[in-house]
N, C-alpha and C. Protein backbone atom coordinates (compact mmCIF):
# COMPACT_ATOMS: atom_id res chain seq x y z
N UNK A 1 0.82 -1.20 0.00
CA UNK A 1 0.00 0.00 0.00
C UNK A 1 0.87 1.27 0.00
N UNK A 2 2.12 1.14 -0.33
CA UNK A 2 2.98 2.32 -0.34
C UNK A 2 2.96 3.03 -1.69
N UNK A 3 1.95 2.76 -2.48
CA UNK A 3 1.80 3.40 -3.79
C UNK A 3 1.19 4.79 -3.60
N UNK A 4 2.00 5.83 -3.85
CA UNK A 4 1.51 7.19 -3.61
C UNK A 4 0.38 7.58 -4.54
N UNK A 5 0.33 6.98 -5.73
CA UNK A 5 -0.77 7.26 -6.65
C UNK A 5 -2.10 6.85 -6.02
N UNK A 6 -2.08 5.69 -5.38
CA UNK A 6 -3.27 5.17 -4.69
C UNK A 6 -3.67 6.11 -3.56
N UNK A 7 -2.69 6.51 -2.75
CA UNK A 7 -2.96 7.42 -1.64
C UNK A 7 -3.47 8.77 -2.14
N UNK A 8 -2.84 9.30 -3.17
CA UNK A 8 -3.24 10.60 -3.71
C UNK A 8 -4.68 10.57 -4.21
N UNK A 9 -5.07 9.45 -4.82
CA UNK A 9 -6.44 9.33 -5.33
C UNK A 9 -7.45 9.52 -4.20
N UNK A 10 -7.20 8.84 -3.08
CA UNK A 10 -8.19 8.90 -2.00
C UNK A 10 -8.12 10.22 -1.24
N UNK A 11 -6.91 10.75 -1.06
CA UNK A 11 -6.83 12.07 -0.42
C UNK A 11 -7.58 13.12 -1.24
N UNK A 12 -7.43 13.04 -2.56
CA UNK A 12 -8.13 13.99 -3.43
C UNK A 12 -9.64 13.82 -3.33
N UNK A 13 -10.08 12.57 -3.34
CA UNK A 13 -11.53 12.31 -3.30
C UNK A 13 -12.14 12.80 -1.99
N UNK A 14 -11.43 12.64 -0.91
CA UNK A 14 -12.00 12.97 0.40
C UNK A 14 -11.73 14.42 0.82
N UNK A 15 -10.99 15.16 0.03
CA UNK A 15 -10.64 16.53 0.43
C UNK A 15 -11.76 17.54 0.13
N UNK A 16 -12.76 17.15 -0.64
CA UNK A 16 -13.87 18.04 -0.93
C UNK A 16 -14.78 18.20 0.29
N UNK A 17 -15.55 19.26 0.29
CA UNK A 17 -16.45 19.50 1.42
C UNK A 17 -17.56 18.46 1.49
N UNK A 18 -18.07 18.07 0.32
CA UNK A 18 -19.12 17.05 0.28
C UNK A 18 -18.55 15.68 0.62
N UNK A 19 -19.40 14.83 1.16
CA UNK A 19 -18.97 13.47 1.48
C UNK A 19 -19.11 12.60 0.24
N UNK A 20 -17.99 11.96 -0.15
CA UNK A 20 -17.93 11.23 -1.42
C UNK A 20 -19.00 10.15 -1.53
N UNK A 21 -19.26 9.46 -0.44
CA UNK A 21 -20.25 8.37 -0.46
C UNK A 21 -21.42 8.66 0.49
N UNK A 22 -21.60 9.93 0.80
CA UNK A 22 -22.70 10.32 1.67
C UNK A 22 -22.37 10.11 3.14
N UNK A 23 -23.33 10.42 3.98
CA UNK A 23 -23.14 10.27 5.43
C UNK A 23 -24.02 9.18 6.02
N UNK A 24 -24.88 8.58 5.21
CA UNK A 24 -25.71 7.48 5.69
C UNK A 24 -24.94 6.17 5.57
N UNK A 25 -25.23 5.21 6.44
CA UNK A 25 -24.51 3.94 6.38
C UNK A 25 -24.90 3.13 5.14
N UNK A 26 -24.05 2.21 4.79
CA UNK A 26 -24.37 1.25 3.75
C UNK A 26 -25.58 0.41 4.18
N UNK A 27 -26.51 0.19 3.27
CA UNK A 27 -27.76 -0.52 3.60
C UNK A 27 -27.51 -1.94 4.10
N UNK A 28 -26.64 -2.66 3.42
CA UNK A 28 -26.38 -4.06 3.80
C UNK A 28 -25.76 -4.11 5.20
N UNK A 29 -24.83 -3.21 5.46
CA UNK A 29 -24.23 -3.17 6.79
C UNK A 29 -25.29 -2.94 7.86
N UNK A 30 -26.13 -1.95 7.68
CA UNK A 30 -27.12 -1.63 8.71
C UNK A 30 -28.09 -2.80 8.92
N UNK A 31 -28.45 -3.49 7.84
CA UNK A 31 -29.33 -4.67 7.97
C UNK A 31 -28.66 -5.75 8.82
N UNK A 32 -27.38 -5.98 8.57
CA UNK A 32 -26.68 -7.06 9.28
C UNK A 32 -26.42 -6.71 10.74
N UNK A 33 -26.06 -5.46 11.01
CA UNK A 33 -25.76 -5.08 12.39
C UNK A 33 -26.99 -5.17 13.28
N UNK A 34 -28.16 -4.94 12.70
CA UNK A 34 -29.40 -5.03 13.48
C UNK A 34 -29.64 -6.44 14.00
N UNK A 35 -29.00 -7.42 13.39
CA UNK A 35 -29.20 -8.82 13.79
C UNK A 35 -28.17 -9.29 14.83
N UNK A 36 -27.24 -8.40 15.19
CA UNK A 36 -26.16 -8.79 16.10
C UNK A 36 -26.19 -7.95 17.37
N UNK A 37 -25.71 -8.55 18.45
CA UNK A 37 -25.56 -7.82 19.71
C UNK A 37 -24.32 -6.94 19.60
N UNK A 38 -24.42 -5.64 19.92
CA UNK A 38 -23.26 -4.76 19.80
C UNK A 38 -22.06 -5.25 20.60
N UNK A 39 -20.89 -5.08 19.99
CA UNK A 39 -19.62 -5.42 20.62
C UNK A 39 -18.55 -4.55 19.98
N UNK A 40 -17.39 -5.12 19.73
CA UNK A 40 -16.31 -4.37 19.09
C UNK A 40 -16.30 -4.68 17.59
N UNK A 41 -16.12 -3.65 16.78
CA UNK A 41 -16.20 -3.80 15.32
C UNK A 41 -15.08 -2.98 14.66
N UNK A 42 -14.51 -3.55 13.60
CA UNK A 42 -13.45 -2.88 12.85
C UNK A 42 -13.91 -2.64 11.42
N UNK A 43 -13.66 -1.40 10.94
CA UNK A 43 -13.98 -1.01 9.57
C UNK A 43 -12.69 -0.72 8.80
N UNK A 44 -12.19 -1.67 8.02
CA UNK A 44 -11.04 -1.39 7.16
C UNK A 44 -11.45 -0.48 6.00
N UNK A 45 -10.52 0.39 5.58
CA UNK A 45 -10.77 1.29 4.45
C UNK A 45 -12.07 2.06 4.64
N UNK A 46 -12.21 2.70 5.78
CA UNK A 46 -13.49 3.31 6.16
C UNK A 46 -13.72 4.70 5.57
N UNK A 47 -12.73 5.23 4.85
CA UNK A 47 -12.95 6.50 4.17
C UNK A 47 -13.40 7.60 5.09
N UNK A 48 -14.56 8.18 4.81
CA UNK A 48 -15.05 9.34 5.57
C UNK A 48 -15.93 8.96 6.76
N UNK A 49 -15.95 7.68 7.11
CA UNK A 49 -16.49 7.29 8.40
C UNK A 49 -17.98 7.06 8.50
N UNK A 50 -18.70 7.06 7.38
CA UNK A 50 -20.16 6.95 7.49
C UNK A 50 -20.58 5.65 8.19
N UNK A 51 -19.84 4.58 7.97
CA UNK A 51 -20.24 3.29 8.54
C UNK A 51 -19.79 3.13 9.99
N UNK A 52 -18.58 3.57 10.31
CA UNK A 52 -18.13 3.44 11.70
C UNK A 52 -18.92 4.37 12.62
N UNK A 53 -19.26 5.57 12.14
CA UNK A 53 -20.07 6.49 12.96
C UNK A 53 -21.45 5.88 13.21
N UNK A 54 -22.03 5.29 12.18
CA UNK A 54 -23.34 4.64 12.35
C UNK A 54 -23.25 3.55 13.41
N UNK A 55 -22.22 2.70 13.29
CA UNK A 55 -22.09 1.60 14.25
C UNK A 55 -21.95 2.12 15.67
N UNK A 56 -21.14 3.17 15.85
CA UNK A 56 -20.95 3.75 17.18
C UNK A 56 -22.28 4.24 17.75
N UNK A 57 -23.11 4.82 16.89
CA UNK A 57 -24.41 5.33 17.34
C UNK A 57 -25.38 4.19 17.71
N UNK A 58 -25.08 2.98 17.21
CA UNK A 58 -25.91 1.81 17.54
C UNK A 58 -25.36 1.06 18.75
N UNK A 59 -24.34 1.63 19.40
CA UNK A 59 -23.82 1.02 20.62
C UNK A 59 -22.58 0.17 20.44
N UNK A 60 -22.02 0.14 19.23
CA UNK A 60 -20.81 -0.63 18.99
C UNK A 60 -19.57 0.16 19.41
N UNK A 61 -18.53 -0.55 19.84
CA UNK A 61 -17.22 0.04 20.04
C UNK A 61 -16.52 0.01 18.69
N UNK A 62 -16.53 1.15 17.98
CA UNK A 62 -16.18 1.19 16.56
C UNK A 62 -14.74 1.65 16.35
N UNK A 63 -13.98 0.81 15.65
CA UNK A 63 -12.62 1.15 15.21
C UNK A 63 -12.60 1.17 13.70
N UNK A 64 -11.73 2.02 13.15
CA UNK A 64 -11.66 2.15 11.69
C UNK A 64 -10.23 2.53 11.31
N UNK A 65 -9.89 2.21 10.05
CA UNK A 65 -8.61 2.70 9.54
C UNK A 65 -8.72 2.95 8.04
N UNK A 66 -7.79 3.77 7.55
CA UNK A 66 -7.70 4.08 6.13
C UNK A 66 -6.28 4.61 5.89
N UNK A 67 -5.89 4.71 4.63
CA UNK A 67 -4.58 5.30 4.35
C UNK A 67 -4.68 6.81 4.18
N UNK A 68 -5.90 7.34 4.12
CA UNK A 68 -6.11 8.75 3.79
C UNK A 68 -6.33 9.61 5.03
N UNK A 69 -5.44 10.58 5.27
CA UNK A 69 -5.65 11.52 6.37
C UNK A 69 -6.86 12.42 6.08
N UNK A 70 -7.13 12.69 4.80
CA UNK A 70 -8.31 13.49 4.44
C UNK A 70 -9.59 12.74 4.82
N UNK A 71 -9.59 11.43 4.61
CA UNK A 71 -10.73 10.62 5.03
C UNK A 71 -10.91 10.67 6.54
N UNK A 72 -9.80 10.55 7.27
CA UNK A 72 -9.88 10.61 8.73
C UNK A 72 -10.46 11.93 9.21
N UNK A 73 -10.03 13.04 8.61
CA UNK A 73 -10.55 14.36 9.00
C UNK A 73 -12.07 14.41 8.87
N UNK A 74 -12.56 13.92 7.73
CA UNK A 74 -14.01 13.94 7.49
C UNK A 74 -14.73 13.02 8.47
N UNK A 75 -14.13 11.86 8.74
CA UNK A 75 -14.75 10.90 9.65
C UNK A 75 -14.87 11.48 11.06
N UNK A 76 -13.81 12.12 11.52
CA UNK A 76 -13.85 12.70 12.87
C UNK A 76 -14.82 13.89 12.94
N UNK A 77 -14.92 14.61 11.82
CA UNK A 77 -15.91 15.70 11.73
C UNK A 77 -17.32 15.13 11.83
N UNK A 78 -17.57 14.04 11.10
CA UNK A 78 -18.90 13.41 11.12
C UNK A 78 -19.21 12.85 12.50
N UNK A 79 -18.20 12.25 13.13
CA UNK A 79 -18.39 11.70 14.47
C UNK A 79 -18.74 12.81 15.46
N UNK A 80 -18.03 13.92 15.36
CA UNK A 80 -18.30 15.04 16.27
C UNK A 80 -19.70 15.59 16.07
N UNK A 81 -20.10 15.73 14.81
CA UNK A 81 -21.45 16.24 14.52
C UNK A 81 -22.53 15.36 15.12
N UNK A 82 -22.24 14.05 15.17
CA UNK A 82 -23.23 13.08 15.65
C UNK A 82 -23.00 12.66 17.10
N UNK A 83 -22.00 13.29 17.73
CA UNK A 83 -21.64 12.94 19.11
C UNK A 83 -21.39 11.45 19.25
N UNK A 84 -20.63 10.93 18.29
CA UNK A 84 -20.26 9.52 18.27
C UNK A 84 -18.77 9.39 18.57
N UNK A 85 -18.41 8.28 19.19
CA UNK A 85 -17.01 8.03 19.55
C UNK A 85 -16.46 6.92 18.66
N UNK A 86 -15.49 7.25 17.79
CA UNK A 86 -14.84 6.23 16.97
C UNK A 86 -13.33 6.33 17.16
N UNK A 87 -12.67 5.17 17.04
CA UNK A 87 -11.21 5.12 17.06
C UNK A 87 -10.76 4.95 15.61
N UNK A 88 -10.21 6.00 15.02
CA UNK A 88 -9.89 6.00 13.58
C UNK A 88 -8.38 6.21 13.41
N UNK A 89 -7.72 5.21 12.84
CA UNK A 89 -6.28 5.27 12.62
C UNK A 89 -5.97 5.43 11.14
N UNK A 90 -4.82 6.03 10.86
CA UNK A 90 -4.36 6.19 9.48
C UNK A 90 -3.06 5.42 9.31
N UNK A 91 -2.99 4.61 8.25
CA UNK A 91 -1.77 3.88 7.97
C UNK A 91 -2.06 2.52 7.38
N UNK A 92 -1.00 1.75 7.20
CA UNK A 92 -1.14 0.41 6.66
C UNK A 92 -1.43 -0.57 7.79
N UNK A 93 -2.26 -1.54 7.50
CA UNK A 93 -2.83 -2.42 8.52
C UNK A 93 -1.78 -3.00 9.46
N UNK A 94 -0.68 -3.48 8.89
CA UNK A 94 0.30 -4.18 9.73
C UNK A 94 1.01 -3.26 10.71
N UNK A 95 0.85 -1.94 10.55
CA UNK A 95 1.52 -0.98 11.44
C UNK A 95 0.61 -0.43 12.55
N UNK A 96 -0.65 -0.84 12.57
CA UNK A 96 -1.63 -0.14 13.40
C UNK A 96 -1.82 -0.72 14.80
N UNK A 97 -1.22 -1.86 15.07
CA UNK A 97 -1.19 -2.36 16.44
C UNK A 97 -2.45 -3.05 16.93
N UNK A 98 -3.31 -3.49 16.02
CA UNK A 98 -4.47 -4.26 16.46
C UNK A 98 -4.00 -5.61 17.02
N UNK A 99 -4.81 -6.17 17.92
CA UNK A 99 -4.42 -7.41 18.59
C UNK A 99 -5.20 -8.59 18.03
N UNK A 100 -4.60 -9.77 18.14
CA UNK A 100 -5.27 -10.99 17.68
C UNK A 100 -6.57 -11.17 18.46
N UNK A 101 -7.61 -11.55 17.75
CA UNK A 101 -8.93 -11.82 18.31
C UNK A 101 -9.50 -10.61 19.06
N UNK A 102 -9.16 -9.40 18.60
CA UNK A 102 -9.62 -8.19 19.28
C UNK A 102 -11.08 -7.87 19.00
N UNK A 103 -11.57 -8.24 17.82
CA UNK A 103 -12.88 -7.74 17.37
C UNK A 103 -13.93 -8.84 17.29
N UNK A 104 -15.18 -8.41 17.55
CA UNK A 104 -16.33 -9.31 17.40
C UNK A 104 -16.82 -9.35 15.95
N UNK A 105 -16.64 -8.25 15.24
CA UNK A 105 -17.09 -8.13 13.84
C UNK A 105 -16.03 -7.34 13.06
N UNK A 106 -15.79 -7.76 11.82
CA UNK A 106 -15.03 -6.95 10.88
C UNK A 106 -15.92 -6.70 9.67
N UNK A 107 -16.12 -5.43 9.36
CA UNK A 107 -17.04 -5.05 8.28
C UNK A 107 -16.25 -4.47 7.10
N UNK A 108 -16.23 -5.21 6.02
CA UNK A 108 -15.53 -4.80 4.80
C UNK A 108 -16.57 -4.29 3.81
N UNK A 109 -16.73 -2.97 3.78
CA UNK A 109 -17.77 -2.36 2.95
C UNK A 109 -17.07 -1.55 1.84
N UNK A 110 -17.09 -2.10 0.64
CA UNK A 110 -16.38 -1.51 -0.52
C UNK A 110 -14.92 -1.23 -0.17
N UNK A 111 -14.31 -2.20 0.50
CA UNK A 111 -12.89 -2.11 0.87
C UNK A 111 -12.08 -2.74 -0.26
N UNK A 112 -11.97 -2.00 -1.36
CA UNK A 112 -11.26 -2.49 -2.54
C UNK A 112 -9.77 -2.13 -2.43
N UNK A 113 -9.03 -3.01 -1.78
CA UNK A 113 -7.59 -2.82 -1.67
C UNK A 113 -6.94 -3.13 -3.02
N UNK A 114 -5.71 -2.61 -3.26
CA UNK A 114 -5.03 -2.93 -4.51
C UNK A 114 -4.96 -4.44 -4.75
N UNK A 115 -5.08 -4.82 -6.01
CA UNK A 115 -5.25 -6.23 -6.37
C UNK A 115 -4.14 -7.13 -5.81
N UNK A 116 -2.91 -6.62 -5.77
CA UNK A 116 -1.80 -7.48 -5.38
C UNK A 116 -1.74 -7.75 -3.88
N UNK A 117 -2.52 -7.02 -3.08
CA UNK A 117 -2.47 -7.23 -1.63
C UNK A 117 -3.83 -7.56 -1.02
N UNK A 118 -4.90 -7.58 -1.81
CA UNK A 118 -6.23 -7.68 -1.19
C UNK A 118 -6.41 -9.00 -0.44
N UNK A 119 -5.91 -10.11 -0.99
CA UNK A 119 -6.06 -11.39 -0.29
C UNK A 119 -5.22 -11.44 0.97
N UNK A 120 -4.02 -10.89 0.92
CA UNK A 120 -3.17 -10.90 2.13
C UNK A 120 -3.77 -10.02 3.22
N UNK A 121 -4.43 -8.92 2.83
CA UNK A 121 -5.12 -8.08 3.82
C UNK A 121 -6.25 -8.87 4.48
N UNK A 122 -7.03 -9.58 3.67
CA UNK A 122 -8.13 -10.39 4.23
C UNK A 122 -7.59 -11.39 5.24
N UNK A 123 -6.48 -12.04 4.91
CA UNK A 123 -5.94 -13.07 5.80
C UNK A 123 -5.35 -12.44 7.07
N UNK A 124 -4.81 -11.24 6.95
CA UNK A 124 -4.32 -10.52 8.12
C UNK A 124 -5.50 -10.13 9.03
N UNK A 125 -6.56 -9.62 8.42
CA UNK A 125 -7.73 -9.21 9.19
C UNK A 125 -8.32 -10.39 9.97
N UNK A 126 -8.29 -11.57 9.38
CA UNK A 126 -8.84 -12.75 10.03
C UNK A 126 -8.21 -12.96 11.41
N UNK A 127 -6.94 -12.63 11.56
CA UNK A 127 -6.27 -12.83 12.84
C UNK A 127 -6.84 -11.92 13.93
N UNK A 128 -7.38 -10.78 13.52
CA UNK A 128 -7.90 -9.81 14.49
C UNK A 128 -9.34 -10.09 14.90
N UNK A 129 -9.96 -11.09 14.29
CA UNK A 129 -11.36 -11.44 14.59
C UNK A 129 -11.38 -12.62 15.54
N UNK A 130 -12.19 -12.50 16.58
CA UNK A 130 -12.27 -13.60 17.55
C UNK A 130 -12.97 -14.81 16.93
N UNK A 131 -12.68 -15.98 17.48
CA UNK A 131 -13.41 -17.19 17.11
C UNK A 131 -14.89 -16.98 17.45
N UNK A 132 -15.75 -17.27 16.50
CA UNK A 132 -17.19 -17.02 16.68
C UNK A 132 -17.63 -15.66 16.20
N UNK A 133 -16.66 -14.80 15.83
CA UNK A 133 -16.99 -13.47 15.32
C UNK A 133 -17.41 -13.51 13.86
N UNK A 134 -17.81 -12.37 13.34
CA UNK A 134 -18.42 -12.29 12.01
C UNK A 134 -17.67 -11.36 11.07
N UNK A 135 -17.59 -11.77 9.82
CA UNK A 135 -17.22 -10.88 8.71
C UNK A 135 -18.51 -10.44 8.03
N UNK A 136 -18.65 -9.13 7.80
CA UNK A 136 -19.73 -8.60 6.95
C UNK A 136 -19.05 -7.92 5.77
N UNK A 137 -19.42 -8.33 4.57
CA UNK A 137 -18.69 -7.91 3.37
C UNK A 137 -19.67 -7.53 2.26
N UNK A 138 -19.44 -6.35 1.68
CA UNK A 138 -20.12 -6.01 0.42
C UNK A 138 -19.13 -5.23 -0.43
N UNK A 139 -18.94 -5.69 -1.67
CA UNK A 139 -18.05 -5.00 -2.60
C UNK A 139 -18.40 -5.43 -4.01
N UNK A 140 -17.88 -4.71 -4.98
CA UNK A 140 -18.25 -4.96 -6.37
C UNK A 140 -17.68 -6.28 -6.88
N UNK A 141 -18.49 -6.96 -7.68
CA UNK A 141 -18.10 -8.24 -8.27
C UNK A 141 -17.35 -8.03 -9.58
N UNK A 142 -16.75 -9.10 -10.07
CA UNK A 142 -16.01 -9.02 -11.34
C UNK A 142 -16.93 -8.68 -12.51
N UNK A 143 -18.20 -9.00 -12.39
CA UNK A 143 -19.16 -8.65 -13.45
C UNK A 143 -19.54 -7.18 -13.44
N UNK A 144 -19.08 -6.45 -12.44
CA UNK A 144 -19.46 -5.04 -12.30
C UNK A 144 -18.92 -4.18 -13.45
N UNK A 145 -17.85 -4.61 -14.10
CA UNK A 145 -17.30 -3.83 -15.22
C UNK A 145 -18.35 -3.57 -16.29
N UNK A 146 -19.24 -4.54 -16.50
CA UNK A 146 -20.31 -4.35 -17.50
C UNK A 146 -21.25 -3.21 -17.07
N UNK A 147 -21.46 -3.06 -15.78
CA UNK A 147 -22.35 -2.02 -15.27
C UNK A 147 -21.69 -0.64 -15.38
N UNK A 148 -20.38 -0.59 -15.12
CA UNK A 148 -19.65 0.68 -15.27
C UNK A 148 -19.72 1.14 -16.73
N UNK A 149 -19.61 0.20 -17.66
CA UNK A 149 -19.65 0.54 -19.08
C UNK A 149 -20.98 1.20 -19.45
N UNK A 150 -22.05 0.82 -18.76
CA UNK A 150 -23.38 1.38 -19.04
C UNK A 150 -23.62 2.69 -18.27
N UNK A 151 -22.97 2.82 -17.09
CA UNK A 151 -23.21 3.99 -16.24
C UNK A 151 -22.00 4.22 -15.34
N UNK A 152 -21.17 5.18 -15.70
CA UNK A 152 -19.96 5.44 -14.92
C UNK A 152 -20.27 5.94 -13.51
N UNK A 153 -21.45 6.50 -13.31
CA UNK A 153 -21.78 7.07 -11.99
C UNK A 153 -21.96 6.02 -10.91
N UNK A 154 -22.05 4.76 -11.32
CA UNK A 154 -22.20 3.71 -10.30
C UNK A 154 -20.90 3.51 -9.54
N UNK A 155 -19.77 3.90 -10.13
CA UNK A 155 -18.49 3.83 -9.43
C UNK A 155 -17.90 2.44 -9.37
N UNK A 156 -16.79 2.36 -8.64
CA UNK A 156 -16.10 1.08 -8.48
C UNK A 156 -14.84 0.98 -9.31
N UNK A 157 -13.94 0.05 -8.93
CA UNK A 157 -12.70 -0.14 -9.66
C UNK A 157 -12.94 -0.52 -11.12
N UNK A 158 -12.02 -0.11 -11.97
CA UNK A 158 -12.15 -0.38 -13.40
C UNK A 158 -11.20 -1.46 -13.88
N UNK A 159 -10.55 -2.13 -12.95
CA UNK A 159 -9.69 -3.26 -13.34
C UNK A 159 -10.23 -4.54 -12.71
N UNK A 160 -10.27 -5.59 -13.49
CA UNK A 160 -10.88 -6.85 -13.08
C UNK A 160 -10.26 -7.40 -11.80
N UNK A 161 -8.95 -7.24 -11.66
CA UNK A 161 -8.25 -7.86 -10.53
C UNK A 161 -8.64 -7.24 -9.19
N UNK A 162 -9.11 -6.00 -9.20
CA UNK A 162 -9.50 -5.35 -7.94
C UNK A 162 -10.93 -5.70 -7.53
N UNK A 163 -11.65 -6.35 -8.41
CA UNK A 163 -13.03 -6.75 -8.14
C UNK A 163 -13.04 -8.18 -7.58
N UNK A 164 -14.20 -8.62 -7.07
CA UNK A 164 -14.26 -9.86 -6.32
C UNK A 164 -15.14 -10.92 -6.99
N UNK A 165 -14.84 -12.17 -6.67
CA UNK A 165 -15.68 -13.29 -7.07
C UNK A 165 -16.04 -14.10 -5.83
N UNK A 166 -17.08 -14.91 -5.94
CA UNK A 166 -17.46 -15.79 -4.84
C UNK A 166 -16.31 -16.73 -4.50
N UNK A 167 -15.64 -17.26 -5.53
CA UNK A 167 -14.53 -18.19 -5.28
C UNK A 167 -13.40 -17.52 -4.51
N UNK A 168 -13.12 -16.26 -4.81
CA UNK A 168 -12.07 -15.53 -4.06
C UNK A 168 -12.42 -15.41 -2.59
N UNK A 169 -13.67 -15.10 -2.31
CA UNK A 169 -14.09 -14.95 -0.91
C UNK A 169 -13.98 -16.30 -0.19
N UNK A 170 -14.40 -17.36 -0.83
CA UNK A 170 -14.24 -18.69 -0.23
C UNK A 170 -12.78 -18.99 0.07
N UNK A 171 -11.92 -18.63 -0.86
CA UNK A 171 -10.49 -18.88 -0.70
C UNK A 171 -9.86 -18.02 0.39
N UNK A 172 -10.26 -16.75 0.46
CA UNK A 172 -9.68 -15.83 1.44
C UNK A 172 -10.17 -16.10 2.86
N UNK A 173 -11.39 -16.65 2.99
CA UNK A 173 -11.98 -16.89 4.32
C UNK A 173 -12.41 -18.36 4.44
N UNK A 174 -11.43 -19.29 4.39
CA UNK A 174 -11.78 -20.71 4.37
C UNK A 174 -12.31 -21.24 5.69
N UNK A 175 -11.97 -20.58 6.78
CA UNK A 175 -12.30 -21.08 8.13
C UNK A 175 -13.57 -20.43 8.67
N UNK A 176 -14.56 -20.25 7.79
CA UNK A 176 -15.81 -19.59 8.19
C UNK A 176 -17.02 -20.44 7.83
N UNK A 177 -18.01 -20.43 8.71
CA UNK A 177 -19.33 -20.94 8.36
C UNK A 177 -20.03 -19.86 7.55
N UNK A 178 -20.49 -20.22 6.36
CA UNK A 178 -21.08 -19.23 5.46
C UNK A 178 -22.56 -19.05 5.81
N UNK A 179 -22.91 -17.86 6.23
CA UNK A 179 -24.31 -17.52 6.50
C UNK A 179 -24.96 -17.00 5.22
N UNK A 180 -24.21 -16.20 4.48
CA UNK A 180 -24.66 -15.73 3.17
C UNK A 180 -23.42 -15.49 2.30
N UNK A 181 -23.47 -15.97 1.06
CA UNK A 181 -22.43 -15.66 0.08
C UNK A 181 -23.10 -15.68 -1.29
N UNK A 182 -23.26 -14.48 -1.85
CA UNK A 182 -24.04 -14.38 -3.08
C UNK A 182 -23.53 -13.24 -3.94
N UNK A 183 -23.75 -13.37 -5.24
CA UNK A 183 -23.54 -12.26 -6.16
C UNK A 183 -24.91 -11.75 -6.57
N UNK A 184 -25.10 -10.45 -6.47
CA UNK A 184 -26.44 -9.92 -6.73
C UNK A 184 -26.37 -8.53 -7.34
N UNK A 185 -27.43 -8.16 -8.03
CA UNK A 185 -27.55 -6.82 -8.62
C UNK A 185 -28.28 -5.93 -7.63
N UNK A 186 -27.74 -4.74 -7.36
CA UNK A 186 -28.38 -3.83 -6.42
C UNK A 186 -28.42 -2.42 -7.00
N UNK A 187 -29.29 -1.61 -6.40
CA UNK A 187 -29.35 -0.19 -6.72
C UNK A 187 -28.63 0.59 -5.65
N UNK A 188 -27.67 1.40 -6.06
CA UNK A 188 -26.89 2.19 -5.11
C UNK A 188 -27.24 3.66 -5.21
N UNK A 189 -27.35 4.30 -4.05
CA UNK A 189 -27.51 5.75 -3.98
C UNK A 189 -26.73 6.22 -2.77
N UNK A 190 -25.41 6.32 -2.95
CA UNK A 190 -24.50 6.64 -1.86
C UNK A 190 -23.62 7.82 -2.28
N UNK A 191 -24.02 9.01 -1.87
CA UNK A 191 -23.20 10.19 -2.11
C UNK A 191 -22.99 10.49 -3.58
N UNK A 192 -21.77 10.96 -3.90
CA UNK A 192 -21.45 11.40 -5.25
C UNK A 192 -21.00 10.26 -6.17
N UNK A 193 -20.48 9.17 -5.58
CA UNK A 193 -19.73 8.22 -6.39
C UNK A 193 -20.31 6.82 -6.49
N UNK A 194 -21.43 6.54 -5.84
CA UNK A 194 -22.08 5.23 -5.95
C UNK A 194 -23.54 5.45 -6.31
N UNK A 195 -23.84 5.59 -7.60
CA UNK A 195 -25.22 5.86 -8.01
C UNK A 195 -25.59 5.04 -9.23
N UNK A 196 -26.61 4.18 -9.05
CA UNK A 196 -27.09 3.37 -10.16
C UNK A 196 -27.06 1.89 -9.84
N UNK A 197 -27.23 1.09 -10.88
CA UNK A 197 -27.28 -0.36 -10.75
C UNK A 197 -25.87 -0.94 -10.81
N UNK A 198 -25.56 -1.82 -9.88
CA UNK A 198 -24.26 -2.45 -9.86
C UNK A 198 -24.36 -3.92 -9.49
N UNK A 199 -23.24 -4.62 -9.63
CA UNK A 199 -23.17 -6.04 -9.27
C UNK A 199 -22.20 -6.19 -8.10
N UNK A 200 -22.68 -6.81 -7.02
CA UNK A 200 -21.86 -6.91 -5.81
C UNK A 200 -21.80 -8.36 -5.31
N UNK A 201 -20.74 -8.61 -4.56
CA UNK A 201 -20.64 -9.83 -3.75
C UNK A 201 -21.03 -9.46 -2.32
N UNK A 202 -21.92 -10.24 -1.74
CA UNK A 202 -22.28 -10.06 -0.34
C UNK A 202 -21.93 -11.33 0.42
N UNK A 203 -21.32 -11.12 1.59
CA UNK A 203 -20.84 -12.26 2.37
C UNK A 203 -21.01 -11.96 3.85
N UNK A 204 -21.62 -12.89 4.56
CA UNK A 204 -21.59 -12.89 6.02
C UNK A 204 -21.08 -14.26 6.43
N UNK A 205 -20.00 -14.26 7.20
CA UNK A 205 -19.43 -15.52 7.65
C UNK A 205 -19.11 -15.46 9.12
N UNK A 206 -19.20 -16.63 9.79
CA UNK A 206 -18.86 -16.72 11.21
C UNK A 206 -17.60 -17.56 11.35
N UNK A 207 -16.61 -17.01 12.04
CA UNK A 207 -15.31 -17.65 12.16
C UNK A 207 -15.40 -18.91 13.03
N UNK A 208 -14.90 -20.00 12.50
CA UNK A 208 -14.94 -21.27 13.22
C UNK A 208 -13.81 -21.32 14.27
């Protein structure tokens, strides 16, 4: 993740006054959290904090990280506006000091890490989730490129390798009981950059 081009992209996106993906939580995340008893939750690649702030307001002990200091600024601003308490760190995952089995839930919501490290990040995150804890995941599928071609406003990575397949998720999280793992078409209306019909992978798994 030491690619400055990648960092510059996100700093630029989050430096505007408007929230790139809005201030409301992701729909799938909010649906899933309602089914769980609040505990400790980690949001990788949390951007401007809409999801971690929501979780904190629902009684979760919310932690988040991103590589973008601009994202962190917006997230802390949003948290303050909502009187929510979040722990938001900036940096690469292996440097942030999280502990093994620290979290009850890890929520990967459009956490599209660079293609060459995304699987290793998933496997690293697994160590920070307690046995019996849950992964909640929603991100664009490999078929999403067809949707971008029809409507650029739906957003998402434009290279196949950064997108996900069901087989990749099975491979990255082999030690999980699968509660849901599906590819589905959804309608997105999230801020400036997620608008329209897209194809996503949704996954909820419980760590064995």
